[in-house]
Protein backbone atom coordinates (compact mmCIF):
# COMPACT_ATOMS: atom_id res chain seq x y z
CA MET A 1 34.95 40.58 51.85
CA ILE A 2 37.47 37.94 53.83
CA ASP A 3 38.49 38.70 57.42
CA VAL A 4 42.21 40.00 57.35
CA SER A 5 42.14 41.33 60.92
CA GLY A 6 44.42 38.41 62.29
CA LYS A 7 46.84 38.55 59.31
CA ASN A 8 50.65 40.20 59.83
CA VAL A 9 51.23 43.82 58.11
CA THR A 10 54.08 42.50 55.82
CA VAL A 11 55.54 44.21 52.54
CA ARG A 12 53.37 43.39 49.67
CA THR A 13 54.39 43.68 46.29
CA ALA A 14 52.80 42.27 42.97
CA LYS A 15 53.66 43.00 38.86
CA ALA A 16 51.46 42.62 36.47
CA CYS A 17 51.72 43.10 32.64
CA GLY A 18 49.13 43.70 29.72
CA ARG A 19 49.91 44.05 26.29
CA ILE A 20 47.84 45.67 23.13
CA VAL A 21 48.47 44.51 19.68
CA LEU A 22 47.97 47.92 18.09
CA GLY A 23 48.46 47.43 14.05
CA GLN A 24 50.95 49.52 11.71
CA LYS A 25 49.18 52.92 11.88
CA ALA A 26 48.39 53.13 15.94
CA PHE A 27 51.83 51.82 16.15
CA ASP A 28 53.07 54.46 13.98
CA ALA A 29 51.17 57.25 15.51
CA VAL A 30 52.74 55.98 19.68
CA ARG A 31 56.22 56.01 17.92
CA GLN A 32 56.07 59.21 16.13
CA GLY A 33 54.19 60.99 19.43
CA ALA A 34 51.64 61.71 16.49
CA CYS A 35 49.18 61.15 18.70
CA ILE A 36 45.84 63.30 17.97
CA LYS A 37 44.60 62.72 21.99
CA GLY A 38 48.28 63.20 23.35
CA ASP A 39 50.98 61.15 24.64
CA VAL A 40 49.88 57.99 24.81
CA PRO A 41 52.86 56.74 26.99
CA ALA A 42 52.25 59.30 29.82
CA THR A 43 48.46 59.25 29.65
CA ALA A 44 48.55 55.45 30.17
CA LYS A 45 51.12 55.89 32.97
CA ILE A 46 48.80 58.20 34.71
CA ALA A 47 46.17 55.45 33.93
CA ALA A 48 47.46 52.81 35.49
CA MET A 49 48.44 54.57 38.51
CA GLN A 50 44.80 56.03 39.23
CA ALA A 51 43.24 52.38 38.21
CA VAL A 52 45.45 51.15 40.88
CA LYS A 53 44.48 53.71 43.46
CA SER A 54 40.98 52.52 42.73
CA THR A 55 40.75 48.98 42.39
CA SER A 56 38.69 48.59 45.68
CA ALA A 57 36.02 50.86 44.04
CA ILE A 58 35.38 48.75 40.75
CA ILE A 59 36.52 45.10 41.80
CA PRO A 60 33.84 43.78 44.08
CA MET A 61 35.35 41.98 47.75
CA CYS A 62 38.51 43.90 47.13
CA HIS A 63 39.77 45.68 50.51
CA PRO A 64 40.84 49.39 50.00
CA ILE A 65 44.82 49.19 51.17
CA LEU A 66 47.10 51.96 51.50
CA ILE A 67 49.30 52.02 48.29
CA GLU A 68 53.27 52.79 48.92
CA ALA A 69 54.34 52.75 45.33
CA VAL A 70 53.56 52.15 42.24
CA ASP A 71 56.10 51.66 38.95
CA VAL A 72 54.53 51.75 35.54
CA ASP A 73 57.02 50.47 32.56
CA PHE A 74 55.78 51.02 28.71
CA ALA A 75 57.65 49.15 26.08
CA LEU A 76 56.68 49.22 21.88
CA ASN A 77 57.68 45.74 20.12
CA GLU A 78 58.54 46.47 16.64
CA GLN A 79 58.26 43.24 15.30
CA ASP A 80 54.59 42.56 16.52
CA LYS A 81 53.38 46.20 16.11
CA SER A 82 52.06 46.14 20.23
CA ALA A 83 52.70 48.09 23.49
CA ALA A 84 53.59 46.46 26.62
CA VAL A 85 52.80 48.12 30.52
CA THR A 86 53.82 46.72 33.63
CA VAL A 87 52.77 47.70 36.29
CA THR A 88 54.80 47.23 39.85
CA VAL A 89 52.75 47.74 43.08
CA ARG A 90 54.19 47.79 46.68
CA SER A 91 52.04 48.35 50.15
CA SER A 92 52.51 46.73 53.59
CA GLY A 93 49.69 45.50 54.68
CA LYS A 94 47.24 42.72 55.52
CA THR A 95 46.25 41.77 52.06
CA GLY A 96 48.14 41.20 48.52
CA VAL A 97 48.35 43.95 46.02
CA GLU A 98 48.05 41.13 42.96
CA MET A 99 44.54 43.10 42.35
CA GLU A 100 45.88 46.37 42.17
CA ALA A 101 48.70 45.23 39.66
CA LEU A 102 46.28 43.47 37.39
CA THR A 103 44.25 46.28 37.29
CA GLY A 104 46.31 48.93 36.43
CA ALA A 105 47.92 47.27 33.43
CA THR A 106 44.49 46.08 32.20
CA VAL A 107 43.57 50.29 32.51
CA ALA A 108 46.53 51.16 30.74
CA CYS A 109 46.13 48.71 28.06
CA LEU A 110 41.83 50.08 27.73
CA THR A 111 43.30 53.93 28.07
CA ILE A 112 46.14 53.01 24.83
CA TYR A 113 42.86 51.42 22.93
CA ASP A 114 40.83 54.69 23.74
CA MET A 115 43.26 56.83 22.88
CA LEU A 116 44.57 55.15 19.07
CA LYS A 117 41.27 53.95 18.59
CA TYR A 118 40.58 56.47 15.73
CA THR A 119 43.24 54.64 13.59
CA GLY A 120 41.36 51.82 13.47
CA LYS A 121 39.29 49.48 16.05
CA ALA A 122 41.21 46.17 15.45
CA MET A 123 43.66 46.36 18.20
CA THR A 124 43.82 43.39 20.90
CA ILE A 125 44.15 43.82 24.39
CA THR A 126 46.07 40.11 25.59
CA GLU A 127 47.89 38.76 27.79
CA VAL A 128 47.10 40.60 31.11
CA GLU A 129 48.76 38.30 33.77
CA LEU A 130 50.38 38.46 36.90
CA ILE A 131 54.24 37.79 37.16
CA GLU A 132 55.51 38.16 40.48
CA LYS A 133 54.27 38.74 43.49
CA THR A 134 55.68 38.75 47.44
CA GLY A 135 54.81 38.65 50.57
CA GLY A 136 51.92 37.62 52.50
CA LYS A 137 50.85 34.08 54.21
CA SER A 138 50.96 32.50 51.06
CA GLY A 139 54.26 33.76 50.08
CA ASP A 140 56.59 33.99 47.07
CA TYR A 141 55.01 33.66 43.21
CA LYS A 142 57.10 33.86 40.18
CA ARG A 143 55.29 32.96 36.41
CA GLN A 144 57.38 30.19 34.98
CA ASP A 145 56.94 31.18 31.24
């Protein structure tokens, strides 16, 4: 692991998103609240929060950090039959929270896949990306797309 003992404690935030292309049948199940496994957005949000808090246990060399806030947004896109999950993480510490936000977004998409795989296996998880981050020695970052 990288030695962060000499770094300053700063407020650090990161926002990441992921998207899963569902297909018509899975999209309809989510939109209508008819998934046989339960409430897809609520379950994906809980999965994202758990993943954020467990990141250091599953990503080698990732520091365990105190998570102060996690916000998870879920949105459906009728046009391409997809769901997008955006995860924002906040912490005051010596290392950033980008990996936590990315892990949360990825696990939320995996959870959506798991809950809806009975509708078909052709779903695609795509566009997992860091949107922005603040704090720390390297400064702020905002994706330019």
